[in-house]
N, C-alpha and C. Protein backbone atom coordinates (compact mmCIF):
# COMPACT_ATOMS: atom_id res chain seq x y z
N UNK A 1 -16.61 12.56 25.82
CA UNK A 1 -17.41 11.88 24.84
C UNK A 1 -17.40 10.22 24.94
N UNK A 2 -18.51 9.62 25.26
CA UNK A 2 -18.13 8.13 25.44
C UNK A 2 -18.47 7.32 24.18
N UNK A 3 -18.08 6.06 23.96
CA UNK A 3 -18.20 5.05 23.13
C UNK A 3 -19.76 5.23 22.45
N UNK A 4 -20.78 5.44 23.59
CA UNK A 4 -22.13 5.34 23.35
C UNK A 4 -22.65 6.53 22.46
N UNK A 5 -22.01 7.54 22.95
CA UNK A 5 -22.14 8.75 22.25
C UNK A 5 -22.02 9.09 20.78
N UNK A 6 -20.85 8.10 20.41
CA UNK A 6 -20.40 7.92 18.81
C UNK A 6 -21.01 7.02 18.39
N UNK A 7 -21.96 6.48 18.73
CA UNK A 7 -22.88 5.20 17.99
C UNK A 7 -22.32 3.93 18.46
N UNK A 8 -21.48 3.84 19.74
CA UNK A 8 -21.10 2.70 20.06
C UNK A 8 -22.11 1.61 20.28
N UNK A 9 -23.12 2.15 21.10
CA UNK A 9 -24.29 1.47 21.47
C UNK A 9 -24.92 0.71 20.46
N UNK A 10 -24.94 1.60 19.11
CA UNK A 10 -25.93 1.08 18.02
C UNK A 10 -24.86 0.01 17.32
N UNK A 11 -23.61 0.33 17.42
CA UNK A 11 -22.56 -0.70 16.75
C UNK A 11 -22.71 -2.11 17.50
N UNK A 12 -22.73 -2.00 18.90
CA UNK A 12 -22.75 -3.15 19.69
C UNK A 12 -24.01 -3.87 19.59
N UNK A 13 -25.01 -3.20 19.08
CA UNK A 13 -26.47 -3.91 19.00
C UNK A 13 -26.31 -4.60 17.48
N UNK A 14 -25.59 -3.96 16.59
CA UNK A 14 -25.56 -4.41 15.16
C UNK A 14 -24.67 -5.88 15.16
N UNK A 15 -23.57 -5.60 16.05
CA UNK A 15 -22.67 -6.85 16.09
C UNK A 15 -23.24 -7.78 16.91
N UNK A 16 -24.37 -7.65 17.67
CA UNK A 16 -24.84 -8.73 18.43
C UNK A 16 -25.60 -9.77 17.67
N UNK A 17 -25.76 -9.42 16.46
CA UNK A 17 -26.32 -10.35 15.47
C UNK A 17 -25.09 -11.38 15.04
N UNK A 18 -25.22 -12.59 15.16
CA UNK A 18 -24.16 -13.44 15.01
C UNK A 18 -23.78 -13.38 13.58
N UNK A 19 -24.85 -13.62 12.77
CA UNK A 19 -24.31 -13.47 11.10
C UNK A 19 -23.56 -12.21 10.58
N UNK A 20 -24.11 -10.87 11.23
CA UNK A 20 -23.55 -9.71 10.93
C UNK A 20 -22.18 -9.74 11.56
N UNK A 21 -22.01 -10.08 12.60
CA UNK A 21 -20.72 -10.17 13.35
C UNK A 21 -19.50 -11.07 12.73
N UNK A 22 -19.92 -12.23 11.98
CA UNK A 22 -19.23 -13.00 11.31
C UNK A 22 -18.82 -12.44 10.16
N UNK A 23 -19.87 -11.72 9.48
CA UNK A 23 -19.45 -10.90 8.20
C UNK A 23 -18.31 -9.83 8.39
N UNK A 24 -18.53 -9.15 9.42
CA UNK A 24 -17.72 -7.99 9.84
C UNK A 24 -16.46 -8.74 9.99
N UNK A 25 -16.30 -9.68 10.99
CA UNK A 25 -14.76 -10.32 11.19
C UNK A 25 -14.11 -10.73 9.96
N UNK A 26 -14.95 -11.31 9.08
CA UNK A 26 -14.43 -11.84 7.60
C UNK A 26 -14.10 -10.74 6.82
N UNK A 27 -14.58 -9.78 6.84
CA UNK A 27 -14.28 -8.56 6.14
C UNK A 27 -12.86 -8.00 6.63
N UNK A 28 -12.82 -7.71 8.01
CA UNK A 28 -11.56 -7.30 8.61
C UNK A 28 -10.42 -8.12 8.25
N UNK A 29 -10.87 -9.54 8.37
CA UNK A 29 -9.59 -10.49 8.08
C UNK A 29 -9.01 -10.16 6.75
N UNK A 30 -9.91 -10.27 5.83
CA UNK A 30 -9.66 -10.19 4.62
C UNK A 30 -8.78 -8.50 4.21
N UNK A 31 -9.26 -7.68 4.89
CA UNK A 31 -8.67 -6.50 4.67
C UNK A 31 -7.15 -6.50 5.34
N UNK A 32 -7.01 -7.44 6.38
CA UNK A 32 -5.65 -7.44 7.08
C UNK A 32 -4.61 -8.23 6.12
N UNK A 33 -5.43 -9.46 5.38
CA UNK A 33 -4.68 -10.23 4.56
C UNK A 33 -4.29 -9.46 3.18
N UNK A 34 -5.09 -8.72 2.67
CA UNK A 34 -4.79 -7.79 1.53
C UNK A 34 -3.59 -6.87 2.02
N UNK A 35 -3.61 -6.05 3.17
CA UNK A 35 -2.61 -5.32 3.36
C UNK A 35 -1.27 -6.00 3.29
N UNK A 36 -1.52 -7.39 4.19
CA UNK A 36 -0.27 -8.10 4.19
C UNK A 36 0.34 -8.54 2.81
N UNK A 37 -0.41 -8.54 2.07
CA UNK A 37 0.18 -9.23 0.67
C UNK A 37 0.67 -8.09 -0.04
N UNK A 38 0.08 -6.89 0.28
CA UNK A 38 0.62 -5.62 -0.54
C UNK A 38 1.79 -5.30 0.12
N UNK A 39 1.97 -5.45 1.26
CA UNK A 39 3.36 -5.21 1.98
C UNK A 39 4.44 -6.17 1.33
N UNK A 40 3.88 -7.37 1.53
CA UNK A 40 5.03 -8.48 1.14
C UNK A 40 5.47 -8.18 -0.45
N UNK A 41 4.64 -7.71 -1.13
CA UNK A 41 5.08 -7.36 -2.67
C UNK A 41 6.34 -6.25 -2.76
N UNK A 42 6.13 -5.12 -1.98
CA UNK A 42 7.04 -4.09 -1.79
C UNK A 42 8.17 -4.68 -1.31
N UNK A 43 8.13 -5.46 -0.13
CA UNK A 43 9.28 -6.03 0.47
C UNK A 43 10.05 -6.86 -0.37
N UNK A 44 9.18 -7.63 -1.33
CA UNK A 44 9.68 -8.68 -2.04
C UNK A 44 10.78 -7.99 -3.22
N UNK A 45 10.18 -6.65 -3.51
CA UNK A 45 11.09 -5.91 -4.52
C UNK A 45 12.36 -5.56 -3.87
N UNK A 46 12.44 -5.07 -2.64
CA UNK A 46 13.49 -4.67 -1.62
C UNK A 46 14.30 -5.92 -1.66
N UNK A 47 13.73 -7.29 -1.27
CA UNK A 47 14.56 -8.46 -0.86
C UNK A 47 15.14 -8.86 -2.21
N UNK A 48 14.44 -8.70 -3.47
CA UNK A 48 15.28 -9.15 -4.68
C UNK A 48 16.53 -8.28 -5.03
N UNK A 49 16.29 -7.21 -4.54
CA UNK A 49 17.65 -6.24 -4.75
C UNK A 49 18.69 -6.66 -3.76
N UNK A 50 18.31 -7.41 -2.90
CA UNK A 50 19.24 -7.89 -1.74
C UNK A 50 19.43 -6.74 -0.85
N UNK A 51 18.37 -5.79 -0.48
CA UNK A 51 18.54 -4.66 0.48
C UNK A 51 17.60 -5.10 1.73
N UNK A 52 18.38 -4.55 2.79
CA UNK A 52 17.40 -4.39 4.07
C UNK A 52 16.72 -3.05 4.14
N UNK A 53 15.81 -2.92 5.03
CA UNK A 53 15.08 -1.71 4.97
C UNK A 53 16.05 -0.45 5.37
N UNK A 54 16.95 -0.79 6.12
CA UNK A 54 17.97 0.40 6.45
C UNK A 54 18.67 0.62 5.32
N UNK A 55 19.18 -0.32 4.50
CA UNK A 55 20.01 0.15 3.36
C UNK A 55 19.10 0.86 2.31
N UNK A 56 17.89 0.44 2.09
CA UNK A 56 16.90 1.18 1.25
C UNK A 56 16.67 2.54 1.76
N UNK A 57 16.19 2.59 3.05
CA UNK A 57 16.15 3.82 3.68
C UNK A 57 17.34 4.96 3.35
N UNK A 58 18.61 4.47 3.42
CA UNK A 58 19.72 5.31 3.27
C UNK A 58 19.64 5.83 1.74
N UNK A 59 19.35 5.09 0.87
CA UNK A 59 19.27 5.47 -0.63
C UNK A 59 18.09 6.18 -0.76
N UNK A 60 16.99 6.19 -0.14
CA UNK A 60 15.87 7.27 -0.13
C UNK A 60 16.31 8.57 0.60
N UNK A 61 17.07 8.52 1.57
CA UNK A 61 17.46 9.47 2.42
C UNK A 61 16.37 9.71 3.48
N UNK A 62 15.68 8.68 4.12
CA UNK A 62 14.88 8.65 5.00
C UNK A 62 15.31 7.57 5.94
N UNK A 63 14.62 7.49 7.05
CA UNK A 63 14.65 6.32 8.22
C UNK A 63 14.13 5.23 7.77
N UNK A 64 14.73 4.17 8.50
CA UNK A 64 14.18 2.77 8.23
C UNK A 64 12.57 2.86 8.54
N UNK A 65 12.15 3.49 9.68
CA UNK A 65 10.71 3.44 9.81
C UNK A 65 9.91 4.04 8.74
N UNK A 66 10.41 4.90 7.99
CA UNK A 66 9.60 5.47 6.78
C UNK A 66 9.51 4.25 5.79
N UNK A 67 10.64 3.49 5.59
CA UNK A 67 10.47 2.44 4.38
C UNK A 67 9.50 1.40 5.18
N UNK A 68 9.31 1.01 6.54
CA UNK A 68 8.66 0.21 7.00
C UNK A 68 7.17 0.64 6.81
N UNK A 69 7.03 1.76 6.93
CA UNK A 69 5.59 2.56 6.77
C UNK A 69 5.07 2.25 5.31
N UNK A 70 6.06 2.66 4.21
CA UNK A 70 5.72 2.70 2.75
C UNK A 70 5.32 1.33 2.67
N UNK A 71 6.00 0.17 3.15
CA UNK A 71 5.63 -1.26 2.91
C UNK A 71 4.49 -1.81 3.41
N UNK A 72 3.75 -0.90 4.48
CA UNK A 72 2.68 -1.18 5.07
C UNK A 72 1.50 -0.41 4.45
N UNK A 73 1.83 0.60 3.89
CA UNK A 73 0.71 1.38 3.24
C UNK A 73 -0.21 0.63 2.29
N UNK A 74 -1.60 1.19 2.34
CA UNK A 74 -2.31 0.36 1.50
C UNK A 74 -2.31 1.10 0.05
N UNK A 75 -2.12 2.37 0.21
CA UNK A 75 -2.38 3.07 -1.06
C UNK A 75 -1.19 4.18 -1.13
N UNK A 76 -0.49 4.19 -2.24
CA UNK A 76 0.79 5.05 -2.57
C UNK A 76 0.53 5.79 -3.73
N UNK A 77 1.08 7.18 -3.64
CA UNK A 77 1.31 7.88 -4.60
C UNK A 77 2.25 7.37 -5.72
N UNK A 78 2.04 7.57 -6.95
CA UNK A 78 2.96 7.13 -7.76
C UNK A 78 4.40 7.58 -7.61
N UNK A 79 4.67 8.62 -7.19
CA UNK A 79 5.94 9.32 -7.18
C UNK A 79 6.57 8.55 -6.00
N UNK A 80 5.82 8.24 -4.89
CA UNK A 80 6.37 7.35 -3.76
C UNK A 80 6.91 5.89 -4.19
N UNK A 81 5.99 5.39 -4.92
CA UNK A 81 6.33 4.14 -5.49
C UNK A 81 7.40 3.97 -6.36
N UNK A 82 7.54 5.00 -7.41
CA UNK A 82 8.44 5.25 -8.11
C UNK A 82 10.07 5.27 -7.52
N UNK A 83 9.90 6.27 -6.44
CA UNK A 83 11.07 6.35 -5.65
C UNK A 83 11.75 5.22 -5.13
N UNK A 84 10.51 4.39 -4.49
CA UNK A 84 10.91 3.18 -3.67
C UNK A 84 11.77 2.22 -4.61
N UNK A 85 10.88 2.07 -5.87
CA UNK A 85 11.38 1.07 -7.02
C UNK A 85 12.72 1.61 -7.46
N UNK A 86 13.09 2.88 -7.76
CA UNK A 86 14.42 3.20 -8.22
C UNK A 86 15.52 3.24 -7.31
N UNK A 87 15.04 3.21 -5.94
CA UNK A 87 15.95 3.19 -4.80
C UNK A 87 16.46 1.74 -4.63
N UNK A 88 15.68 0.65 -5.15
CA UNK A 88 16.03 -0.76 -4.94
C UNK A 88 16.76 -1.03 -6.12
N UNK A 89 16.92 -0.05 -7.22
CA UNK A 89 17.52 -0.58 -8.36
C UNK A 89 16.88 -0.96 -9.52
N UNK A 90 15.53 -1.02 -9.47
CA UNK A 90 14.60 -1.44 -10.30
C UNK A 90 13.80 -0.60 -11.25
N UNK A 91 13.10 -1.08 -12.05
CA UNK A 91 12.36 -0.15 -13.03
C UNK A 91 11.08 -0.76 -13.09
N UNK A 92 10.05 -0.15 -13.01
CA UNK A 92 8.43 -0.67 -12.98
C UNK A 92 7.83 0.09 -14.38
N UNK A 93 6.90 -0.83 -14.84
CA UNK A 93 5.97 -0.37 -16.00
C UNK A 93 4.51 -0.74 -15.44
N UNK A 94 3.66 -0.01 -16.03
CA UNK A 94 2.29 0.09 -15.69
C UNK A 94 1.76 -0.29 -17.09
N UNK A 95 0.88 -1.21 -16.99
CA UNK A 95 0.35 -1.52 -18.39
C UNK A 95 -1.16 -1.47 -18.06
N UNK A 96 -1.89 -0.62 -19.05
CA UNK A 96 -3.24 -0.50 -19.03
C UNK A 96 -3.94 -1.16 -20.18
N UNK A 97 -5.00 -1.94 -20.17
CA UNK A 97 -5.41 -2.54 -21.00
C UNK A 97 -6.83 -1.76 -21.42
N UNK A 98 -6.86 -1.37 -22.74
CA UNK A 98 -8.35 -0.68 -23.24
C UNK A 98 -8.64 -1.45 -24.38
N UNK A 99 -9.80 -2.01 -24.17
CA UNK A 99 -10.19 -2.92 -25.44
C UNK A 99 -9.42 -4.07 -25.46
N UNK A 100 -8.63 -4.38 -26.69
CA UNK A 100 -7.76 -5.08 -27.01
C UNK A 100 -6.34 -4.70 -27.12
N UNK A 101 -6.29 -3.56 -26.58
CA UNK A 101 -4.97 -2.95 -26.62
C UNK A 101 -4.41 -2.74 -25.43
N UNK A 102 -3.21 -3.14 -25.09
CA UNK A 102 -2.40 -2.73 -24.14
C UNK A 102 -1.48 -1.41 -24.10
N UNK A 103 -1.56 -0.49 -23.49
CA UNK A 103 -0.89 0.60 -23.46
C UNK A 103 0.25 0.58 -22.33
N UNK A 104 1.52 0.56 -22.30
CA UNK A 104 2.32 0.28 -21.47
C UNK A 104 3.33 1.73 -21.24
N UNK A 105 3.47 2.18 -19.81
CA UNK A 105 3.84 3.30 -19.48
C UNK A 105 5.00 3.02 -18.43
N UNK A 106 6.16 3.82 -18.44
CA UNK A 106 7.23 3.57 -17.46
C UNK A 106 6.66 4.30 -16.21
N UNK A 107 6.83 3.70 -15.13
CA UNK A 107 6.38 4.29 -13.76
C UNK A 107 6.94 5.55 -13.54
N UNK A 108 8.29 5.65 -13.61
CA UNK A 108 9.28 6.98 -13.26
C UNK A 108 8.77 8.04 -14.16
N UNK A 109 8.22 7.89 -15.54
CA UNK A 109 7.83 8.78 -16.37
C UNK A 109 6.69 9.41 -15.92
N UNK A 110 5.86 8.41 -15.49
CA UNK A 110 4.46 8.76 -15.16
C UNK A 110 4.39 9.68 -13.78
N UNK A 111 5.24 9.12 -12.99
CA UNK A 111 5.59 9.86 -11.63
C UNK A 111 5.87 11.21 -11.65
N UNK A 112 6.84 11.31 -12.86
CA UNK A 112 7.33 12.76 -13.07
C UNK A 112 6.08 13.63 -13.54
N UNK A 113 5.49 13.22 -14.33
CA UNK A 113 4.18 13.91 -14.94
C UNK A 113 3.10 14.20 -14.05
N UNK A 114 3.17 13.22 -13.06
CA UNK A 114 1.92 13.48 -12.06
C UNK A 114 2.20 14.41 -10.76
N UNK A 115 3.67 14.76 -10.67
CA UNK A 115 4.14 15.42 -9.52
C UNK A 115 3.57 16.78 -9.64
N UNK A 116 3.02 17.23 -8.67
CA UNK A 116 2.57 18.70 -8.42
C UNK A 116 3.49 19.59 -8.67
N UNK A 117 5.04 19.34 -8.63
CA UNK A 117 5.94 20.35 -8.77
C UNK A 117 6.26 20.59 -10.20
N UNK A 118 5.72 19.58 -11.12
CA UNK A 118 5.92 19.74 -12.39
C UNK A 118 5.09 20.85 -13.28
């Protein structure tokens, strides 16, 4: 199957429009920036705990590549985030605002109740 068979010719035609190509490039860059900011936030937690990826991986019982992957992921399960935070020796809370009320939840407790094993 060629690129053209999968809609590549249509995509090339659409991107031939300079305005559309510029918008697509802008959106792609924004997505890369968002991914980088997200990864920096998780890495910031690890660094604040004065841990390398290798050290955190040992605490989690996984390889360094798994920690690197988690730090790059755009979307995490609560249980994964909870394990990462706990391995860094930290505690996280989630605050949900409903109207004028803030409801605060411990991430570890939420992750435990959200786990399919429970």
